[in-house]
N, C-alpha and C. Protein backbone atom coordinates (compact mmCIF):
# COMPACT_ATOMS: atom_id res chain seq x y z
N UNK A 1 -22.15 27.27 13.43
CA UNK A 1 -21.91 26.09 13.95
C UNK A 1 -22.35 25.06 12.97
N UNK A 2 -23.55 25.11 12.48
CA UNK A 2 -24.11 24.18 11.59
C UNK A 2 -23.16 24.07 10.33
N UNK A 3 -22.65 25.20 9.82
CA UNK A 3 -21.70 25.14 8.74
C UNK A 3 -20.42 24.24 9.04
N UNK A 4 -20.01 24.36 10.09
CA UNK A 4 -18.89 23.64 10.65
C UNK A 4 -19.02 22.17 10.80
N UNK A 5 -20.07 21.80 11.30
CA UNK A 5 -20.61 20.32 11.46
C UNK A 5 -20.79 19.81 10.12
N UNK A 6 -21.60 20.55 9.19
CA UNK A 6 -21.95 20.06 7.78
C UNK A 6 -20.55 19.81 7.24
N UNK A 7 -19.75 20.65 7.13
CA UNK A 7 -18.43 20.50 6.52
C UNK A 7 -17.52 19.36 7.06
N UNK A 8 -17.47 19.26 8.48
CA UNK A 8 -16.74 18.09 9.10
C UNK A 8 -17.29 16.84 8.71
N UNK A 9 -18.63 16.67 8.64
CA UNK A 9 -19.24 15.46 8.07
C UNK A 9 -18.76 15.12 6.69
N UNK A 10 -18.84 15.96 5.78
CA UNK A 10 -18.37 15.70 4.33
C UNK A 10 -16.93 15.55 4.42
N UNK A 11 -16.06 16.51 5.02
CA UNK A 11 -14.51 16.19 5.25
C UNK A 11 -14.24 14.77 5.67
N UNK A 12 -15.06 14.36 6.72
CA UNK A 12 -14.42 12.88 7.40
C UNK A 12 -14.97 11.91 6.42
N UNK A 13 -16.01 12.08 5.67
CA UNK A 13 -16.31 10.88 4.88
C UNK A 13 -15.58 10.89 3.56
N UNK A 14 -14.68 12.00 3.06
CA UNK A 14 -14.23 11.98 1.90
C UNK A 14 -12.65 12.05 1.99
N UNK A 15 -12.08 12.29 3.26
CA UNK A 15 -10.63 12.29 3.60
C UNK A 15 -9.79 11.13 3.02
N UNK A 16 -10.30 9.98 3.41
CA UNK A 16 -9.57 8.68 2.97
C UNK A 16 -9.34 8.47 1.43
N UNK A 17 -10.39 8.90 0.64
CA UNK A 17 -10.35 8.79 -0.70
C UNK A 17 -9.37 9.80 -1.25
N UNK A 18 -9.72 11.13 -0.85
CA UNK A 18 -8.89 12.09 -1.24
C UNK A 18 -7.43 11.78 -0.89
N UNK A 19 -7.06 11.22 0.22
CA UNK A 19 -5.66 10.95 0.49
C UNK A 19 -5.06 9.93 -0.48
N UNK A 20 -5.82 8.92 -0.78
CA UNK A 20 -5.42 7.75 -1.68
C UNK A 20 -5.10 8.50 -3.08
N UNK A 21 -6.00 9.30 -3.59
CA UNK A 21 -5.53 10.01 -4.84
C UNK A 21 -4.40 10.81 -4.71
N UNK A 22 -4.31 11.74 -3.67
CA UNK A 22 -3.10 12.56 -3.38
C UNK A 22 -1.84 11.84 -3.42
N UNK A 23 -1.84 10.57 -2.54
CA UNK A 23 -0.63 10.00 -2.46
C UNK A 23 -0.10 9.30 -3.88
N UNK A 24 -1.06 8.90 -4.58
CA UNK A 24 -0.69 8.17 -5.67
C UNK A 24 -0.25 9.54 -6.97
N UNK A 25 -0.77 10.44 -6.71
CA UNK A 25 -0.18 11.71 -7.32
C UNK A 25 1.20 12.09 -7.00
N UNK A 26 1.42 12.18 -5.83
CA UNK A 26 2.51 12.63 -5.43
C UNK A 26 3.58 11.78 -4.77
N UNK A 27 3.21 10.60 -4.44
CA UNK A 27 4.08 9.54 -3.97
C UNK A 27 4.72 9.80 -2.68
N UNK A 28 4.33 10.60 -1.89
CA UNK A 28 4.74 11.03 -0.61
C UNK A 28 3.67 11.16 0.42
N UNK A 29 3.71 10.38 1.64
CA UNK A 29 2.77 10.26 2.59
C UNK A 29 2.40 11.64 3.27
N UNK A 30 3.53 12.21 3.54
CA UNK A 30 3.34 13.63 4.28
C UNK A 30 2.68 14.57 3.43
N UNK A 31 3.32 14.81 2.11
CA UNK A 31 2.90 15.66 1.05
C UNK A 31 1.60 15.40 0.78
N UNK A 32 0.95 14.13 0.75
CA UNK A 32 -0.19 13.67 0.36
C UNK A 32 -1.35 14.33 1.44
N UNK A 33 -0.95 14.03 2.86
CA UNK A 33 -1.73 14.60 3.95
C UNK A 33 -1.82 16.17 3.89
N UNK A 34 -0.65 16.90 3.53
CA UNK A 34 -0.72 18.21 3.13
C UNK A 34 -1.55 18.75 2.21
N UNK A 35 -1.47 17.99 1.16
CA UNK A 35 -2.41 18.34 -0.12
C UNK A 35 -3.92 18.28 0.36
N UNK A 36 -4.21 17.21 0.97
CA UNK A 36 -5.63 16.85 1.39
C UNK A 36 -6.10 18.06 2.30
N UNK A 37 -5.15 18.29 3.30
CA UNK A 37 -5.48 19.28 4.20
C UNK A 37 -5.73 20.66 3.56
N UNK A 38 -4.87 21.01 2.79
CA UNK A 38 -5.05 22.28 2.02
C UNK A 38 -6.15 22.37 1.10
N UNK A 39 -6.47 21.27 0.47
CA UNK A 39 -7.56 21.28 -0.44
C UNK A 39 -8.85 21.40 0.40
N UNK A 40 -9.01 20.60 1.57
CA UNK A 40 -10.22 20.86 2.51
C UNK A 40 -10.37 22.16 3.02
N UNK A 41 -9.11 22.71 3.32
CA UNK A 41 -9.15 24.35 3.95
C UNK A 41 -9.68 25.08 2.89
N UNK A 42 -9.27 24.96 1.64
CA UNK A 42 -9.76 25.71 0.53
C UNK A 42 -11.34 25.67 0.47
N UNK A 43 -11.84 24.33 0.64
CA UNK A 43 -13.44 24.11 0.39
C UNK A 43 -14.08 24.75 1.50
N UNK A 44 -13.36 24.68 2.93
CA UNK A 44 -14.09 25.17 3.90
C UNK A 44 -14.36 26.78 3.76
N UNK A 45 -13.42 27.40 3.22
CA UNK A 45 -13.40 28.62 2.96
C UNK A 45 -14.65 29.28 2.20
N UNK A 46 -15.19 28.44 1.26
CA UNK A 46 -16.21 28.69 0.38
C UNK A 46 -17.34 27.90 0.70
N UNK A 47 -17.43 27.05 1.74
CA UNK A 47 -18.32 25.95 1.99
C UNK A 47 -19.87 26.54 2.01
N UNK A 48 -20.24 27.66 2.50
CA UNK A 48 -21.80 27.81 2.38
C UNK A 48 -22.12 28.16 0.85
N UNK A 49 -21.44 28.60 0.08
CA UNK A 49 -21.58 28.83 -1.36
C UNK A 49 -21.59 27.62 -2.07
N UNK A 50 -20.74 26.61 -1.64
CA UNK A 50 -20.72 25.29 -2.29
C UNK A 50 -22.02 24.51 -1.91
N UNK A 51 -22.34 24.57 -0.63
CA UNK A 51 -23.52 23.76 -0.32
C UNK A 51 -24.73 24.22 -1.02
N UNK A 52 -24.90 25.47 -1.30
CA UNK A 52 -26.22 26.08 -1.83
C UNK A 52 -26.21 25.44 -3.27
N UNK A 53 -25.16 25.34 -4.02
CA UNK A 53 -24.87 25.10 -5.33
C UNK A 53 -24.75 23.85 -5.66
N UNK A 54 -24.21 22.96 -4.98
CA UNK A 54 -23.68 21.62 -5.45
C UNK A 54 -24.37 20.58 -4.60
N UNK A 55 -24.55 19.30 -5.41
CA UNK A 55 -25.07 18.16 -4.75
C UNK A 55 -23.97 17.36 -4.35
N UNK A 56 -24.30 16.23 -3.77
CA UNK A 56 -23.06 15.39 -3.40
C UNK A 56 -21.96 14.92 -4.43
N UNK A 57 -22.39 14.40 -5.51
CA UNK A 57 -21.39 14.14 -6.59
C UNK A 57 -20.68 15.37 -7.03
N UNK A 58 -21.33 16.58 -7.10
CA UNK A 58 -20.62 17.82 -7.52
C UNK A 58 -19.68 18.20 -6.50
N UNK A 59 -20.08 18.04 -5.19
CA UNK A 59 -18.99 18.23 -4.12
C UNK A 59 -17.85 17.46 -4.15
N UNK A 60 -18.12 16.30 -4.58
CA UNK A 60 -16.89 15.11 -4.69
C UNK A 60 -16.00 15.61 -5.82
N UNK A 61 -16.59 16.01 -6.90
CA UNK A 61 -15.70 16.44 -8.23
C UNK A 61 -15.15 17.61 -7.89
N UNK A 62 -15.75 18.71 -7.19
CA UNK A 62 -15.12 19.81 -6.78
C UNK A 62 -13.88 19.57 -5.86
N UNK A 63 -14.00 18.78 -5.02
CA UNK A 63 -12.95 18.44 -3.95
C UNK A 63 -11.69 17.81 -4.78
N UNK A 64 -11.96 16.95 -5.81
CA UNK A 64 -11.02 16.38 -6.51
C UNK A 64 -10.24 17.41 -7.36
N UNK A 65 -10.98 18.29 -7.94
CA UNK A 65 -10.54 19.38 -8.69
C UNK A 65 -9.56 20.45 -7.92
N UNK A 66 -10.02 20.61 -6.73
CA UNK A 66 -9.38 21.48 -5.76
C UNK A 66 -7.88 20.63 -5.34
N UNK A 67 -8.04 19.31 -5.19
CA UNK A 67 -6.88 18.67 -4.90
C UNK A 67 -5.93 18.59 -5.93
N UNK A 68 -6.37 18.44 -7.22
CA UNK A 68 -5.49 18.38 -8.21
C UNK A 68 -4.87 19.66 -8.55
N UNK A 69 -5.52 20.75 -8.55
CA UNK A 69 -4.96 22.00 -8.81
C UNK A 69 -4.01 22.49 -7.74
N UNK A 70 -4.41 22.01 -6.51
CA UNK A 70 -3.32 22.23 -5.40
C UNK A 70 -2.01 21.69 -5.73
N UNK A 71 -2.11 20.32 -6.01
CA UNK A 71 -1.07 19.41 -6.38
C UNK A 71 -0.05 20.13 -7.37
N UNK A 72 -0.78 20.33 -8.42
CA UNK A 72 0.02 20.85 -9.70
C UNK A 72 0.59 22.29 -9.35
N UNK A 73 -0.17 23.01 -8.54
CA UNK A 73 0.41 24.30 -8.10
C UNK A 73 1.66 24.05 -7.09
N UNK A 74 1.58 23.15 -6.13
CA UNK A 74 2.70 22.86 -5.34
C UNK A 74 3.79 22.39 -6.07
N UNK A 75 3.68 21.53 -7.12
CA UNK A 75 4.66 20.95 -7.86
C UNK A 75 5.50 22.05 -8.50
N UNK A 76 4.65 23.06 -9.26
CA UNK A 76 5.58 24.26 -9.75
C UNK A 76 6.45 25.00 -8.96
N UNK A 77 5.87 25.10 -7.69
CA UNK A 77 6.54 26.17 -6.58
C UNK A 77 7.66 25.33 -6.04
N UNK A 78 7.58 23.91 -5.89
CA UNK A 78 8.55 23.24 -5.30
C UNK A 78 9.59 22.39 -6.03
N UNK A 79 9.75 22.89 -7.21
CA UNK A 79 10.66 22.20 -8.09
C UNK A 79 12.10 22.27 -7.44
N UNK A 80 12.49 23.12 -6.67
CA UNK A 80 13.83 23.48 -6.17
C UNK A 80 13.99 22.25 -5.08
N UNK A 81 13.12 21.69 -4.50
CA UNK A 81 13.32 20.83 -3.43
C UNK A 81 13.54 19.51 -3.79
N UNK A 82 13.77 19.14 -5.15
CA UNK A 82 14.08 17.80 -5.46
C UNK A 82 15.44 17.48 -5.40
N UNK A 83 15.77 16.38 -5.01
CA UNK A 83 17.01 15.87 -4.61
C UNK A 83 17.78 15.35 -5.89
N UNK A 84 18.94 15.63 -6.15
CA UNK A 84 19.74 15.08 -7.23
C UNK A 84 20.56 13.93 -6.69
N UNK A 85 20.50 12.78 -7.41
CA UNK A 85 21.12 11.70 -6.96
C UNK A 85 22.37 11.50 -7.82
N UNK A 86 23.61 10.86 -7.39
CA UNK A 86 24.67 10.67 -8.15
C UNK A 86 24.32 9.48 -9.15
N UNK A 87 23.72 8.40 -8.72
CA UNK A 87 23.27 7.46 -9.73
C UNK A 87 21.69 7.13 -9.48
N UNK A 88 21.18 6.63 -10.61
CA UNK A 88 19.87 6.23 -10.64
C UNK A 88 19.68 5.02 -9.78
N UNK A 89 18.70 4.74 -9.05
CA UNK A 89 18.58 3.27 -8.49
C UNK A 89 18.14 2.27 -9.43
N UNK A 90 18.46 1.09 -9.29
CA UNK A 90 18.14 0.05 -10.09
C UNK A 90 16.63 -0.10 -10.11
N UNK A 91 15.78 -0.38 -11.19
CA UNK A 91 14.64 -0.78 -11.20
C UNK A 91 14.16 -1.94 -10.05
N UNK A 92 13.32 -1.95 -9.44
CA UNK A 92 12.92 -3.04 -8.56
C UNK A 92 12.81 -4.43 -9.43
N UNK A 93 13.20 -5.59 -8.72
CA UNK A 93 13.03 -6.68 -9.37
C UNK A 93 11.54 -7.19 -9.40
N UNK A 94 11.14 -8.18 -10.10
CA UNK A 94 9.75 -8.55 -10.13
C UNK A 94 9.32 -9.01 -8.69
N UNK A 95 8.17 -8.48 -8.13
CA UNK A 95 7.86 -8.64 -6.94
C UNK A 95 7.11 -10.00 -6.91
N UNK A 96 7.07 -10.49 -5.53
CA UNK A 96 6.48 -11.87 -5.27
C UNK A 96 5.23 -11.79 -5.09
N UNK A 97 4.50 -10.88 -4.35
CA UNK A 97 3.02 -10.81 -4.09
C UNK A 97 2.49 -9.24 -4.16
N UNK A 98 1.11 -9.27 -4.02
CA UNK A 98 0.41 -8.02 -4.51
C UNK A 98 0.77 -6.84 -3.81
N UNK A 99 1.21 -6.81 -2.48
CA UNK A 99 1.60 -5.50 -1.92
C UNK A 99 3.02 -4.93 -2.64
N UNK A 100 3.94 -5.90 -2.83
CA UNK A 100 5.24 -5.41 -3.39
C UNK A 100 4.89 -4.91 -4.78
N UNK A 101 3.86 -5.46 -5.46
CA UNK A 101 3.63 -5.10 -6.86
C UNK A 101 2.78 -3.64 -6.75
N UNK A 102 2.03 -3.28 -5.82
CA UNK A 102 1.42 -2.04 -5.50
C UNK A 102 2.69 -1.12 -5.23
N UNK A 103 3.51 -1.36 -4.45
CA UNK A 103 4.65 -0.48 -4.25
C UNK A 103 5.34 -0.13 -5.42
N UNK A 104 5.53 -1.13 -6.26
CA UNK A 104 6.19 -1.05 -7.62
C UNK A 104 5.52 -0.10 -8.43
N UNK A 105 4.20 -0.13 -8.52
CA UNK A 105 3.40 0.71 -9.17
C UNK A 105 3.39 2.10 -8.76
N UNK A 106 3.36 2.36 -7.46
CA UNK A 106 3.30 3.66 -7.01
C UNK A 106 4.81 4.19 -7.14
N UNK A 107 5.84 3.44 -7.17
CA UNK A 107 7.11 3.94 -7.53
C UNK A 107 7.29 4.29 -8.94
N UNK A 108 6.59 3.57 -9.79
CA UNK A 108 6.60 3.85 -11.11
C UNK A 108 5.76 5.07 -11.41
N UNK A 109 4.60 5.27 -10.96
CA UNK A 109 3.80 6.48 -10.88
C UNK A 109 4.73 7.74 -10.57
N UNK A 110 5.63 7.60 -9.43
CA UNK A 110 6.34 8.70 -9.08
C UNK A 110 7.40 9.07 -10.04
N UNK A 111 7.76 8.31 -11.02
CA UNK A 111 8.71 8.71 -11.98
C UNK A 111 8.09 9.38 -13.23
N UNK A 112 6.68 9.59 -13.11
CA UNK A 112 6.16 10.45 -14.20
C UNK A 112 5.97 11.92 -13.93
N UNK A 113 6.07 12.77 -14.70
CA UNK A 113 5.89 14.17 -14.35
C UNK A 113 4.48 14.49 -13.78
N UNK A 114 4.26 15.32 -12.95
CA UNK A 114 3.04 15.67 -12.26
C UNK A 114 1.71 15.60 -13.00
N UNK A 115 1.70 16.24 -14.23
CA UNK A 115 0.48 16.35 -14.97
C UNK A 115 0.27 15.05 -15.45
N UNK A 116 1.23 14.26 -15.93
CA UNK A 116 1.07 12.86 -16.47
C UNK A 116 0.47 11.95 -15.47
N UNK A 117 1.11 12.12 -14.36
CA UNK A 117 0.70 11.22 -13.14
C UNK A 117 -0.72 11.64 -12.84
N UNK A 118 -1.16 12.81 -12.60
CA UNK A 118 -2.68 13.17 -12.29
C UNK A 118 -3.52 12.64 -13.49
N UNK A 119 -3.09 12.66 -14.78
CA UNK A 119 -4.06 12.13 -15.76
C UNK A 119 -4.22 10.60 -15.59
N UNK A 120 -3.10 9.79 -15.19
CA UNK A 120 -3.18 8.23 -15.00
C UNK A 120 -4.05 8.07 -13.71
N UNK A 121 -3.73 8.88 -12.72
CA UNK A 121 -4.63 8.49 -11.43
C UNK A 121 -6.15 8.63 -11.73
N UNK A 122 -6.34 10.05 -12.24
CA UNK A 122 -7.83 10.41 -12.61
C UNK A 122 -8.55 9.50 -13.50
N UNK A 123 -7.85 9.10 -14.50
CA UNK A 123 -8.39 8.16 -15.58
C UNK A 123 -8.49 6.76 -15.05
N UNK A 124 -7.65 6.04 -14.39
CA UNK A 124 -7.60 4.74 -14.09
C UNK A 124 -8.00 4.46 -12.51
N UNK A 125 -7.52 5.22 -11.61
CA UNK A 125 -7.98 5.03 -10.36
C UNK A 125 -9.35 5.53 -9.99
N UNK A 126 -9.49 6.64 -10.30
CA UNK A 126 -10.73 7.42 -10.17
C UNK A 126 -11.80 7.12 -11.14
N UNK A 127 -11.51 6.53 -12.36
CA UNK A 127 -12.24 6.12 -13.44
C UNK A 127 -13.07 7.22 -14.09
N UNK A 128 -12.33 8.35 -14.26
CA UNK A 128 -13.29 9.44 -14.98
C UNK A 128 -12.92 9.31 -16.43
N UNK A 129 -13.89 9.99 -17.15
CA UNK A 129 -13.74 10.03 -18.63
C UNK A 129 -12.66 11.01 -19.05
N UNK A 130 -12.25 10.97 -20.22
CA UNK A 130 -11.26 11.98 -20.77
C UNK A 130 -11.78 13.38 -20.62
N UNK A 131 -13.21 13.60 -20.81
CA UNK A 131 -13.66 14.86 -20.89
C UNK A 131 -13.79 15.35 -19.42
N UNK A 132 -13.96 14.50 -18.49
CA UNK A 132 -14.10 14.86 -17.08
C UNK A 132 -12.82 15.40 -16.58
N UNK A 133 -11.76 14.51 -16.89
CA UNK A 133 -10.33 14.90 -16.54
C UNK A 133 -9.72 16.21 -17.16
N UNK A 134 -10.21 16.48 -18.50
CA UNK A 134 -9.88 17.72 -19.05
C UNK A 134 -10.45 18.82 -18.32
N UNK A 135 -11.87 18.63 -17.99
CA UNK A 135 -12.34 19.62 -17.25
C UNK A 135 -11.81 19.98 -16.03
N UNK A 136 -11.31 18.94 -15.18
CA UNK A 136 -10.75 19.19 -13.88
C UNK A 136 -9.47 19.71 -14.01
N UNK A 137 -8.56 19.41 -15.02
CA UNK A 137 -7.37 19.93 -15.29
C UNK A 137 -7.30 21.29 -16.00
N UNK A 138 -8.53 21.67 -16.58
CA UNK A 138 -8.45 22.86 -17.38
C UNK A 138 -7.67 22.80 -18.65
N UNK A 139 -7.70 21.70 -19.27
CA UNK A 139 -6.86 21.48 -20.54
C UNK A 139 -8.10 20.76 -21.51
N UNK A 140 -7.59 20.60 -22.70
CA UNK A 140 -8.47 20.08 -23.81
C UNK A 140 -8.41 18.50 -23.72
N UNK A 141 -9.58 18.00 -24.32
CA UNK A 141 -9.58 16.37 -24.23
C UNK A 141 -8.42 15.88 -25.01
N UNK A 142 -7.93 16.50 -26.09
CA UNK A 142 -6.76 16.03 -26.97
C UNK A 142 -5.62 16.03 -26.14
N UNK A 143 -5.44 17.06 -25.23
CA UNK A 143 -4.26 17.26 -24.41
C UNK A 143 -4.22 16.15 -23.32
N UNK A 144 -5.31 15.67 -22.86
CA UNK A 144 -5.56 14.52 -21.87
C UNK A 144 -5.32 13.28 -22.67
N UNK A 145 -5.61 13.10 -23.80
CA UNK A 145 -5.30 11.83 -24.53
C UNK A 145 -3.93 11.60 -24.97
N UNK A 146 -3.31 12.76 -25.17
CA UNK A 146 -1.72 12.79 -25.53
C UNK A 146 -1.00 12.45 -24.13
N UNK A 147 -1.39 13.20 -23.13
CA UNK A 147 -0.70 12.88 -21.66
C UNK A 147 -0.87 11.35 -21.33
N UNK A 148 -2.17 10.85 -21.60
CA UNK A 148 -2.50 9.48 -21.29
C UNK A 148 -1.61 8.53 -22.00
N UNK A 149 -1.63 8.68 -23.35
CA UNK A 149 -0.82 7.89 -24.13
C UNK A 149 0.57 7.74 -23.96
N UNK A 150 1.20 9.00 -23.46
CA UNK A 150 2.66 9.01 -23.27
C UNK A 150 2.91 8.49 -21.91
N UNK A 151 1.96 8.65 -20.95
CA UNK A 151 2.21 8.13 -19.50
C UNK A 151 2.14 6.73 -19.57
N UNK A 152 1.17 6.05 -20.37
CA UNK A 152 1.04 4.64 -20.29
C UNK A 152 2.19 3.94 -20.99
N UNK A 153 2.71 4.71 -22.11
CA UNK A 153 4.02 4.08 -22.72
C UNK A 153 5.08 4.14 -21.78
N UNK A 154 5.30 5.15 -21.01
CA UNK A 154 6.40 5.40 -19.95
C UNK A 154 6.24 4.26 -18.83
N UNK A 155 4.95 4.14 -18.45
CA UNK A 155 4.84 3.20 -17.41
C UNK A 155 5.11 1.66 -17.72
N UNK A 156 4.80 1.45 -19.02
CA UNK A 156 5.22 0.16 -19.64
C UNK A 156 6.72 -0.06 -19.60
N UNK A 157 7.34 1.07 -20.12
CA UNK A 157 8.82 0.90 -20.09
C UNK A 157 9.48 0.74 -18.62
N UNK A 158 8.91 1.46 -17.66
CA UNK A 158 9.37 1.46 -16.36
C UNK A 158 9.03 0.23 -15.72
N UNK A 159 7.89 -0.37 -15.88
CA UNK A 159 7.37 -1.59 -15.16
C UNK A 159 7.93 -2.86 -15.77
N UNK A 160 8.22 -2.86 -17.06
CA UNK A 160 8.69 -3.90 -17.83
C UNK A 160 7.94 -5.33 -17.68
N UNK A 161 8.52 -6.33 -17.18
CA UNK A 161 7.86 -7.52 -16.85
C UNK A 161 6.85 -7.52 -15.80
N UNK A 162 7.13 -6.53 -14.85
CA UNK A 162 6.10 -6.52 -13.61
C UNK A 162 4.76 -5.96 -14.15
N UNK A 163 4.70 -5.38 -15.28
CA UNK A 163 3.32 -4.97 -15.63
C UNK A 163 2.28 -6.22 -15.82
N UNK A 164 2.85 -7.25 -16.35
CA UNK A 164 2.02 -8.48 -16.51
C UNK A 164 1.62 -8.86 -15.22
N UNK A 165 2.36 -8.91 -14.17
CA UNK A 165 1.90 -9.39 -12.86
C UNK A 165 1.11 -8.47 -12.20
N UNK A 166 0.89 -7.28 -12.59
CA UNK A 166 -0.11 -6.34 -11.91
C UNK A 166 -1.36 -6.63 -12.41
N UNK A 167 -1.60 -7.18 -13.72
CA UNK A 167 -2.92 -7.48 -14.17
C UNK A 167 -3.51 -8.75 -13.42
N UNK A 168 -2.70 -9.71 -12.82
CA UNK A 168 -3.15 -10.79 -12.11
C UNK A 168 -3.71 -10.64 -10.78
N UNK A 169 -3.43 -9.20 -10.16
CA UNK A 169 -3.90 -8.98 -8.79
C UNK A 169 -5.38 -9.05 -8.66
């Protein structure tokens, strides 16, 4: 019983932030909810072992790593669910206020491949170092730098003039 209460306290205090990260990675509200739920379920299964070994920052890092790996794993498994469109929609016009720009940024992130998106979210939303992202993703620091550079270049292409407006928010 104590295990469940301890985990419930942890999960309720971290769910919102994990959801934000998941949403920016996948770009879909419902999939983000599923990712967070799956990540927390995986953590609950090993919670007693985690509590004995980890401090609070370690648990947060572990939760993000589980979320990231769940996301990447599901992306590999669900490639066949992507919808093919006859025409690509036009890029959004420059937005008038902050919420439109945030939606534009979320849409731009959605156009990146999953690993690229994960690197950008972890580096700039979560403010992790290159080494920390490399550790979470199980790749080298050089691979993170490469993915980061390509991702930012692609975001600049996608956002065009909107990217200047984003810096004023």
